[in-house]
Amino acid sequence: MSPTFPILRVLTPEEPAPLPDTATRVTRALDRGLPEYVQLNADLGVFVIAAIGRADVWHRADPTAVVSSPANGGHPFRLVLRTGGDYAGALPLTVGARRLVPLQGPRRLATAVAVVDWELRAGSVRGPGAYGSRIELAWWDVGGTP
């Protein structure tokens, strides 16, 4: 019998839960260089950031070289969520990672955000340019009325 560790219930599962039918998928090219802002809906957006202390490896790499994808993990990249101009949480760049963001106002109680797919290239870490970096996220309302 293996012990049950409390942390296991909050870890990202190997196979992400399916997205609800009401989820809206948003796919964006990341051509402005990191950090880059992606608007999800009128109330919510995310910054794609590189949370690193040492980017010199990517500065020497071919700008089209893939530095992060689901195949090699999102470390050290993160998503910082913003709603109404305020910090609303963060997510690791990991397939299936989800975050519930409470919203102000009568229309929605909260919006959930999930990481679906991405590919970040060295050139996008360095600065603006069409290097082929992209991200796919999903969001859906939780409670309230549409």
N, C-alpha and C. Protein backbone atom coordinates (compact mmCIF):
# COMPACT_ATOMS: atom_id res chain seq x y z
N MET A 1 0.85 -1.18 0.00
CA MET A 1 0.00 0.00 0.00
C MET A 1 0.89 1.24 0.00
N SER A 2 0.69 2.16 -0.94
CA SER A 2 1.51 3.35 -1.01
C SER A 2 0.86 4.47 -0.20
N PRO A 3 1.71 5.31 0.43
CA PRO A 3 1.15 6.40 1.22
C PRO A 3 0.49 7.45 0.33
N THR A 4 -0.48 8.17 0.86
CA THR A 4 -1.14 9.25 0.14
C THR A 4 -0.54 10.56 0.61
N PHE A 5 -0.03 11.32 -0.33
CA PHE A 5 0.57 12.61 -0.01
C PHE A 5 -0.43 13.71 -0.36
N PRO A 6 -0.69 14.66 0.54
CA PRO A 6 -1.67 15.72 0.26
C PRO A 6 -1.36 16.53 -1.00
N ILE A 7 -0.10 16.68 -1.34
CA ILE A 7 0.27 17.48 -2.52
C ILE A 7 -0.20 16.85 -3.83
N LEU A 8 -0.43 15.54 -3.85
CA LEU A 8 -0.82 14.86 -5.09
C LEU A 8 -2.12 15.41 -5.67
N ARG A 9 -3.04 15.89 -4.83
CA ARG A 9 -4.32 16.38 -5.34
C ARG A 9 -4.21 17.70 -6.09
N VAL A 10 -3.10 18.44 -5.93
CA VAL A 10 -2.96 19.73 -6.61
C VAL A 10 -1.93 19.70 -7.75
N LEU A 11 -1.26 18.60 -7.95
CA LEU A 11 -0.29 18.50 -9.04
C LEU A 11 -1.01 18.38 -10.38
N THR A 12 -0.39 18.83 -11.45
CA THR A 12 -0.96 18.69 -12.78
C THR A 12 -0.93 17.22 -13.18
N PRO A 13 -2.08 16.65 -13.53
CA PRO A 13 -2.11 15.23 -13.89
C PRO A 13 -1.37 14.96 -15.20
N GLU A 14 -0.94 13.70 -15.37
CA GLU A 14 -0.25 13.33 -16.61
C GLU A 14 -1.14 13.56 -17.83
N GLU A 15 -2.38 13.16 -17.74
CA GLU A 15 -3.35 13.38 -18.82
C GLU A 15 -4.30 14.48 -18.37
N PRO A 16 -4.28 15.63 -19.05
CA PRO A 16 -5.16 16.72 -18.62
C PRO A 16 -6.63 16.35 -18.78
N ALA A 17 -7.45 16.88 -17.88
CA ALA A 17 -8.90 16.69 -17.99
C ALA A 17 -9.39 17.33 -19.27
N PRO A 18 -10.41 16.76 -19.89
CA PRO A 18 -10.93 17.37 -21.12
C PRO A 18 -11.50 18.76 -20.84
N LEU A 19 -11.42 19.61 -21.85
CA LEU A 19 -11.99 20.94 -21.73
C LEU A 19 -13.51 20.85 -21.81
N PRO A 20 -14.20 21.72 -21.10
CA PRO A 20 -15.67 21.71 -21.21
C PRO A 20 -16.10 22.16 -22.61
N ASP A 21 -17.32 21.78 -22.99
CA ASP A 21 -17.85 22.16 -24.31
C ASP A 21 -17.95 23.66 -24.47
N THR A 22 -18.06 24.40 -23.37
CA THR A 22 -18.21 25.85 -23.42
C THR A 22 -16.87 26.58 -23.53
N ALA A 23 -15.76 25.84 -23.54
CA ALA A 23 -14.43 26.47 -23.59
C ALA A 23 -14.20 27.16 -24.92
N THR A 24 -13.58 28.33 -24.85
CA THR A 24 -13.16 29.07 -26.04
C THR A 24 -11.66 28.91 -26.16
N ARG A 25 -11.20 28.41 -27.30
CA ARG A 25 -9.76 28.26 -27.54
C ARG A 25 -9.23 29.52 -28.22
N VAL A 26 -8.07 29.95 -27.75
CA VAL A 26 -7.42 31.14 -28.30
C VAL A 26 -6.00 30.74 -28.69
N THR A 27 -5.67 30.88 -29.97
CA THR A 27 -4.32 30.59 -30.45
C THR A 27 -3.72 31.90 -30.96
N ARG A 28 -2.51 32.22 -30.49
CA ARG A 28 -1.86 33.47 -30.88
C ARG A 28 -0.41 33.22 -31.26
N ALA A 29 0.02 33.89 -32.31
CA ALA A 29 1.44 33.94 -32.63
C ALA A 29 2.09 34.89 -31.63
N LEU A 30 3.27 34.56 -31.18
CA LEU A 30 4.00 35.40 -30.23
C LEU A 30 5.13 36.08 -30.98
N ASP A 31 4.83 37.20 -31.62
CA ASP A 31 5.78 37.88 -32.49
C ASP A 31 6.37 39.16 -31.90
N ARG A 32 5.94 39.53 -30.70
CA ARG A 32 6.40 40.79 -30.10
C ARG A 32 7.54 40.61 -29.12
N GLY A 33 7.98 39.40 -28.92
CA GLY A 33 9.04 39.13 -27.95
C GLY A 33 8.47 39.02 -26.55
N LEU A 34 9.15 38.25 -25.71
CA LEU A 34 8.66 38.07 -24.34
C LEU A 34 9.14 39.19 -23.45
N PRO A 35 8.33 39.63 -22.49
CA PRO A 35 6.98 39.16 -22.23
C PRO A 35 6.00 39.68 -23.27
N GLU A 36 5.00 38.85 -23.58
CA GLU A 36 3.97 39.25 -24.54
C GLU A 36 2.60 39.03 -23.94
N TYR A 37 1.71 39.98 -24.17
CA TYR A 37 0.35 39.94 -23.62
C TYR A 37 -0.60 39.31 -24.62
N VAL A 38 -1.45 38.40 -24.14
CA VAL A 38 -2.48 37.75 -24.96
C VAL A 38 -3.83 38.03 -24.31
N GLN A 39 -4.69 38.74 -25.01
CA GLN A 39 -6.04 39.04 -24.50
C GLN A 39 -6.92 37.82 -24.72
N LEU A 40 -7.58 37.32 -23.67
CA LEU A 40 -8.46 36.16 -23.80
C LEU A 40 -9.91 36.57 -24.01
N ASN A 41 -10.37 37.53 -23.21
CA ASN A 41 -11.71 38.08 -23.38
C ASN A 41 -11.68 39.52 -22.88
N ALA A 42 -12.82 40.16 -22.80
CA ALA A 42 -12.84 41.58 -22.40
C ALA A 42 -12.32 41.80 -20.98
N ASP A 43 -12.42 40.78 -20.14
CA ASP A 43 -12.04 40.91 -18.74
C ASP A 43 -10.68 40.33 -18.39
N LEU A 44 -10.12 39.50 -19.23
CA LEU A 44 -8.99 38.68 -18.82
C LEU A 44 -7.93 38.55 -19.92
N GLY A 45 -6.68 38.58 -19.52
CA GLY A 45 -5.57 38.36 -20.43
C GLY A 45 -4.41 37.75 -19.67
N VAL A 46 -3.40 37.31 -20.40
CA VAL A 46 -2.22 36.71 -19.77
C VAL A 46 -0.96 37.28 -20.41
N PHE A 47 0.08 37.41 -19.59
CA PHE A 47 1.41 37.69 -20.09
C PHE A 47 2.16 36.37 -20.17
N VAL A 48 2.80 36.10 -21.29
CA VAL A 48 3.70 34.95 -21.41
C VAL A 48 5.08 35.50 -21.05
N ILE A 49 5.69 34.94 -20.01
CA ILE A 49 6.97 35.47 -19.53
C ILE A 49 8.01 34.37 -19.43
N ALA A 50 9.25 34.80 -19.49
CA ALA A 50 10.38 33.90 -19.22
C ALA A 50 10.87 34.24 -17.82
N ALA A 51 10.66 33.34 -16.89
CA ALA A 51 11.07 33.54 -15.50
C ALA A 51 12.43 32.88 -15.31
N ILE A 52 13.46 33.55 -15.83
CA ILE A 52 14.78 32.94 -15.84
C ILE A 52 15.82 33.90 -15.29
N GLY A 53 16.92 33.38 -14.90
CA GLY A 53 18.02 34.21 -14.45
C GLY A 53 19.17 34.19 -15.45
N ARG A 54 19.07 33.34 -16.45
CA ARG A 54 20.19 33.17 -17.39
C ARG A 54 19.69 32.89 -18.80
N ALA A 55 19.56 33.91 -19.61
CA ALA A 55 19.04 33.76 -20.97
C ALA A 55 20.15 33.72 -22.02
N ASP A 56 21.41 33.77 -21.61
CA ASP A 56 22.50 33.83 -22.58
C ASP A 56 22.54 32.62 -23.50
N VAL A 57 22.06 31.47 -23.04
CA VAL A 57 22.02 30.27 -23.88
C VAL A 57 21.13 30.51 -25.09
N TRP A 58 19.98 31.15 -24.89
CA TRP A 58 19.06 31.41 -25.99
C TRP A 58 19.52 32.56 -26.85
N HIS A 59 20.30 33.45 -26.31
CA HIS A 59 20.81 34.57 -27.11
C HIS A 59 21.83 34.11 -28.14
N ARG A 60 22.48 32.99 -27.88
CA ARG A 60 23.46 32.45 -28.83
C ARG A 60 22.84 31.44 -29.79
N ALA A 61 21.61 30.99 -29.50
CA ALA A 61 20.97 29.94 -30.30
C ALA A 61 20.39 30.51 -31.59
N ASP A 62 20.16 29.61 -32.55
CA ASP A 62 19.44 29.96 -33.77
C ASP A 62 18.08 30.51 -33.36
N PRO A 63 17.64 31.65 -33.90
CA PRO A 63 16.37 32.26 -33.48
C PRO A 63 15.15 31.37 -33.70
N THR A 64 15.24 30.40 -34.63
CA THR A 64 14.10 29.52 -34.88
C THR A 64 14.16 28.23 -34.06
N ALA A 65 15.20 28.07 -33.24
CA ALA A 65 15.34 26.87 -32.40
C ALA A 65 14.24 26.85 -31.35
N VAL A 66 13.58 25.70 -31.20
CA VAL A 66 12.53 25.55 -30.20
C VAL A 66 13.17 25.44 -28.83
N VAL A 67 12.76 26.35 -27.92
CA VAL A 67 13.30 26.32 -26.56
C VAL A 67 12.29 25.78 -25.56
N SER A 68 11.01 25.73 -25.95
CA SER A 68 10.00 25.18 -25.06
C SER A 68 8.78 24.75 -25.86
N SER A 69 8.30 23.54 -25.55
CA SER A 69 7.10 22.98 -26.16
C SER A 69 6.58 21.91 -25.21
N PRO A 70 5.40 21.36 -25.45
CA PRO A 70 4.93 20.29 -24.56
C PRO A 70 5.89 19.10 -24.53
N ALA A 71 6.63 18.88 -25.61
CA ALA A 71 7.56 17.75 -25.65
C ALA A 71 8.73 17.92 -24.67
N ASN A 72 9.18 19.16 -24.45
CA ASN A 72 10.32 19.36 -23.55
C ASN A 72 9.98 20.19 -22.31
N GLY A 73 8.72 20.49 -22.11
CA GLY A 73 8.29 21.20 -20.91
C GLY A 73 8.39 22.70 -21.05
N GLY A 74 7.68 23.40 -20.18
CA GLY A 74 7.61 24.85 -20.26
C GLY A 74 8.57 25.57 -19.35
N HIS A 75 9.37 24.83 -18.62
CA HIS A 75 10.28 25.49 -17.68
C HIS A 75 11.32 26.26 -18.44
N PRO A 76 11.63 27.43 -18.13
CA PRO A 76 11.19 28.31 -17.04
C PRO A 76 10.18 29.36 -17.48
N PHE A 77 9.20 28.98 -18.28
CA PHE A 77 8.22 29.94 -18.78
C PHE A 77 6.94 29.86 -17.96
N ARG A 78 6.29 31.00 -17.82
CA ARG A 78 5.09 31.10 -16.99
C ARG A 78 4.06 31.99 -17.68
N LEU A 79 2.83 31.89 -17.20
CA LEU A 79 1.76 32.78 -17.60
C LEU A 79 1.36 33.58 -16.37
N VAL A 80 1.26 34.89 -16.53
CA VAL A 80 0.79 35.76 -15.46
C VAL A 80 -0.56 36.30 -15.90
N LEU A 81 -1.60 36.01 -15.13
CA LEU A 81 -2.96 36.40 -15.48
C LEU A 81 -3.29 37.77 -14.93
N ARG A 82 -4.03 38.55 -15.75
CA ARG A 82 -4.45 39.90 -15.34
C ARG A 82 -5.93 40.07 -15.65
N THR A 83 -6.63 40.68 -14.72
CA THR A 83 -8.03 41.02 -14.93
C THR A 83 -8.25 42.43 -14.41
N GLY A 84 -8.87 43.26 -15.24
CA GLY A 84 -9.10 44.64 -14.86
C GLY A 84 -7.82 45.40 -14.53
N GLY A 85 -6.72 45.02 -15.16
CA GLY A 85 -5.44 45.68 -14.91
C GLY A 85 -4.73 45.21 -13.66
N ASP A 86 -5.30 44.25 -12.94
CA ASP A 86 -4.70 43.74 -11.70
C ASP A 86 -4.18 42.33 -11.88
N TYR A 87 -3.19 41.98 -11.07
CA TYR A 87 -2.66 40.62 -11.03
C TYR A 87 -3.77 39.68 -10.58
N ALA A 88 -3.94 38.55 -11.30
CA ALA A 88 -5.00 37.60 -10.98
C ALA A 88 -4.48 36.18 -10.79
N GLY A 89 -3.16 36.01 -10.77
CA GLY A 89 -2.62 34.67 -10.56
C GLY A 89 -1.57 34.33 -11.60
N ALA A 90 -1.05 33.12 -11.49
CA ALA A 90 -0.02 32.65 -12.42
C ALA A 90 -0.23 31.17 -12.70
N LEU A 91 0.30 30.74 -13.82
CA LEU A 91 0.23 29.35 -14.23
C LEU A 91 1.58 28.92 -14.77
N PRO A 92 2.00 27.69 -14.48
CA PRO A 92 3.19 27.19 -15.16
C PRO A 92 2.82 26.87 -16.61
N LEU A 93 3.75 26.94 -17.50
CA LEU A 93 3.51 26.58 -18.90
C LEU A 93 3.62 25.06 -18.97
N THR A 94 2.50 24.41 -18.68
CA THR A 94 2.39 22.96 -18.63
C THR A 94 1.04 22.58 -19.22
N VAL A 95 1.02 21.61 -20.14
CA VAL A 95 -0.24 21.19 -20.74
C VAL A 95 -1.20 20.75 -19.64
N GLY A 96 -2.39 21.31 -19.67
CA GLY A 96 -3.41 20.95 -18.70
C GLY A 96 -3.45 21.80 -17.45
N ALA A 97 -2.43 22.64 -17.25
CA ALA A 97 -2.44 23.52 -16.07
C ALA A 97 -3.65 24.43 -16.16
N ARG A 98 -4.35 24.61 -15.04
CA ARG A 98 -5.57 25.42 -15.01
C ARG A 98 -5.56 26.36 -13.82
N ARG A 99 -6.28 27.46 -13.99
CA ARG A 99 -6.40 28.44 -12.91
C ARG A 99 -7.79 29.06 -12.96
N LEU A 100 -8.44 29.17 -11.83
CA LEU A 100 -9.73 29.82 -11.71
C LEU A 100 -9.50 31.26 -11.30
N VAL A 101 -10.08 32.21 -12.06
CA VAL A 101 -9.88 33.63 -11.81
C VAL A 101 -11.24 34.25 -11.44
N PRO A 102 -11.42 34.66 -10.18
CA PRO A 102 -12.68 35.34 -9.81
C PRO A 102 -12.76 36.69 -10.52
N LEU A 103 -13.95 37.05 -10.98
CA LEU A 103 -14.16 38.30 -11.70
C LEU A 103 -15.16 39.18 -10.98
N GLN A 104 -15.01 40.46 -11.16
CA GLN A 104 -15.95 41.43 -10.60
C GLN A 104 -17.14 41.57 -11.55
N GLY A 105 -18.28 41.96 -11.03
CA GLY A 105 -19.42 42.26 -11.88
C GLY A 105 -20.48 41.18 -11.88
N PRO A 106 -21.65 41.51 -12.40
CA PRO A 106 -22.80 40.61 -12.33
C PRO A 106 -22.81 39.49 -13.37
N ARG A 107 -22.02 39.62 -14.43
CA ARG A 107 -22.11 38.64 -15.52
C ARG A 107 -21.50 37.30 -15.20
N ARG A 108 -20.35 37.29 -14.54
CA ARG A 108 -19.64 36.03 -14.30
C ARG A 108 -19.17 35.97 -12.86
N LEU A 109 -19.14 34.78 -12.33
CA LEU A 109 -18.56 34.58 -11.02
C LEU A 109 -17.05 34.39 -11.15
N ALA A 110 -16.64 33.64 -12.18
CA ALA A 110 -15.22 33.36 -12.39
C ALA A 110 -15.00 32.88 -13.81
N THR A 111 -13.77 32.94 -14.23
CA THR A 111 -13.36 32.38 -15.51
C THR A 111 -12.21 31.41 -15.25
N ALA A 112 -12.26 30.26 -15.89
CA ALA A 112 -11.17 29.29 -15.79
C ALA A 112 -10.29 29.44 -17.02
N VAL A 113 -8.98 29.28 -16.83
CA VAL A 113 -8.00 29.37 -17.92
C VAL A 113 -7.19 28.08 -17.91
N ALA A 114 -6.94 27.51 -19.09
CA ALA A 114 -6.15 26.28 -19.20
C ALA A 114 -5.10 26.42 -20.30
N VAL A 115 -3.95 25.81 -20.08
CA VAL A 115 -2.90 25.75 -21.09
C VAL A 115 -3.19 24.55 -21.98
N VAL A 116 -3.25 24.78 -23.30
CA VAL A 116 -3.55 23.71 -24.25
C VAL A 116 -2.28 23.28 -25.00
N ASP A 117 -1.55 24.24 -25.58
CA ASP A 117 -0.37 23.91 -26.40
C ASP A 117 0.48 25.16 -26.56
N TRP A 118 1.74 24.99 -26.93
CA TRP A 118 2.62 26.12 -27.19
C TRP A 118 3.89 25.64 -27.88
N GLU A 119 4.59 26.60 -28.46
CA GLU A 119 5.93 26.38 -28.98
C GLU A 119 6.65 27.72 -28.91
N LEU A 120 7.67 27.80 -28.10
CA LEU A 120 8.45 29.03 -27.96
C LEU A 120 9.81 28.82 -28.59
N ARG A 121 10.25 29.83 -29.35
CA ARG A 121 11.53 29.75 -30.05
C ARG A 121 12.49 30.79 -29.49
N ALA A 122 13.76 30.53 -29.66
CA ALA A 122 14.81 31.36 -29.08
C ALA A 122 14.68 32.83 -29.47
N GLY A 123 14.33 33.11 -30.71
CA GLY A 123 14.20 34.49 -31.16
C GLY A 123 13.15 35.27 -30.38
N SER A 124 12.07 34.61 -29.99
CA SER A 124 11.02 35.28 -29.23
C SER A 124 11.46 35.62 -27.82
N VAL A 125 12.38 34.85 -27.27
CA VAL A 125 12.92 35.15 -25.94
C VAL A 125 13.80 36.40 -26.03
N ARG A 126 14.48 36.56 -27.17
CA ARG A 126 15.39 37.70 -27.36
C ARG A 126 14.68 39.00 -27.69
N GLY A 127 13.58 38.92 -28.45
CA GLY A 127 12.91 40.15 -28.86
C GLY A 127 11.88 39.91 -29.94
N PRO A 128 11.34 40.99 -30.52
CA PRO A 128 10.29 40.88 -31.53
C PRO A 128 10.78 40.20 -32.81
N GLY A 129 9.84 39.53 -33.48
CA GLY A 129 10.12 38.90 -34.76
C GLY A 129 9.22 37.70 -34.98
N ALA A 130 8.98 37.37 -36.23
CA ALA A 130 8.14 36.23 -36.59
C ALA A 130 9.00 34.97 -36.65
N TYR A 131 9.28 34.39 -35.49
CA TYR A 131 10.14 33.20 -35.41
C TYR A 131 9.36 31.90 -35.38
N GLY A 132 8.02 31.99 -35.28
CA GLY A 132 7.19 30.79 -35.24
C GLY A 132 6.70 30.43 -33.85
N SER A 133 6.92 31.29 -32.86
CA SER A 133 6.41 31.01 -31.52
C SER A 133 4.91 31.20 -31.50
N ARG A 134 4.23 30.36 -30.71
CA ARG A 134 2.78 30.44 -30.61
C ARG A 134 2.34 29.85 -29.28
N ILE A 135 1.11 30.19 -28.91
CA ILE A 135 0.52 29.63 -27.69
C ILE A 135 -0.95 29.39 -27.93
N GLU A 136 -1.48 28.32 -27.36
CA GLU A 136 -2.92 28.04 -27.41
C GLU A 136 -3.41 27.87 -25.98
N LEU A 137 -4.41 28.68 -25.64
CA LEU A 137 -5.02 28.65 -24.32
C LEU A 137 -6.51 28.44 -24.49
N ALA A 138 -7.17 28.05 -23.42
CA ALA A 138 -8.63 27.95 -23.42
C ALA A 138 -9.16 28.65 -22.19
N TRP A 139 -10.35 29.21 -22.31
CA TRP A 139 -11.00 29.84 -21.17
C TRP A 139 -12.49 29.56 -21.24
N TRP A 140 -13.12 29.52 -20.07
CA TRP A 140 -14.56 29.33 -20.00
C TRP A 140 -15.09 29.93 -18.71
N ASP A 141 -16.34 30.39 -18.78
CA ASP A 141 -16.98 30.97 -17.61
C ASP A 141 -17.40 29.87 -16.65
N VAL A 142 -17.29 30.18 -15.38
CA VAL A 142 -17.69 29.25 -14.32
C VAL A 142 -18.75 29.98 -13.50
N GLY A 143 -19.99 29.54 -13.58
CA GLY A 143 -21.07 30.19 -12.85
C GLY A 143 -21.51 31.47 -13.51
N GLY A 144 -22.56 32.06 -13.00
CA GLY A 144 -23.05 33.32 -13.54
C GLY A 144 -23.82 33.08 -14.83
N THR A 145 -24.11 34.15 -15.54
CA THR A 145 -24.84 34.07 -16.81
C THR A 145 -23.99 34.65 -17.92
N PRO A 146 -24.07 34.09 -19.12
CA PRO A 146 -23.25 34.61 -20.21
C PRO A 146 -23.68 35.98 -20.68
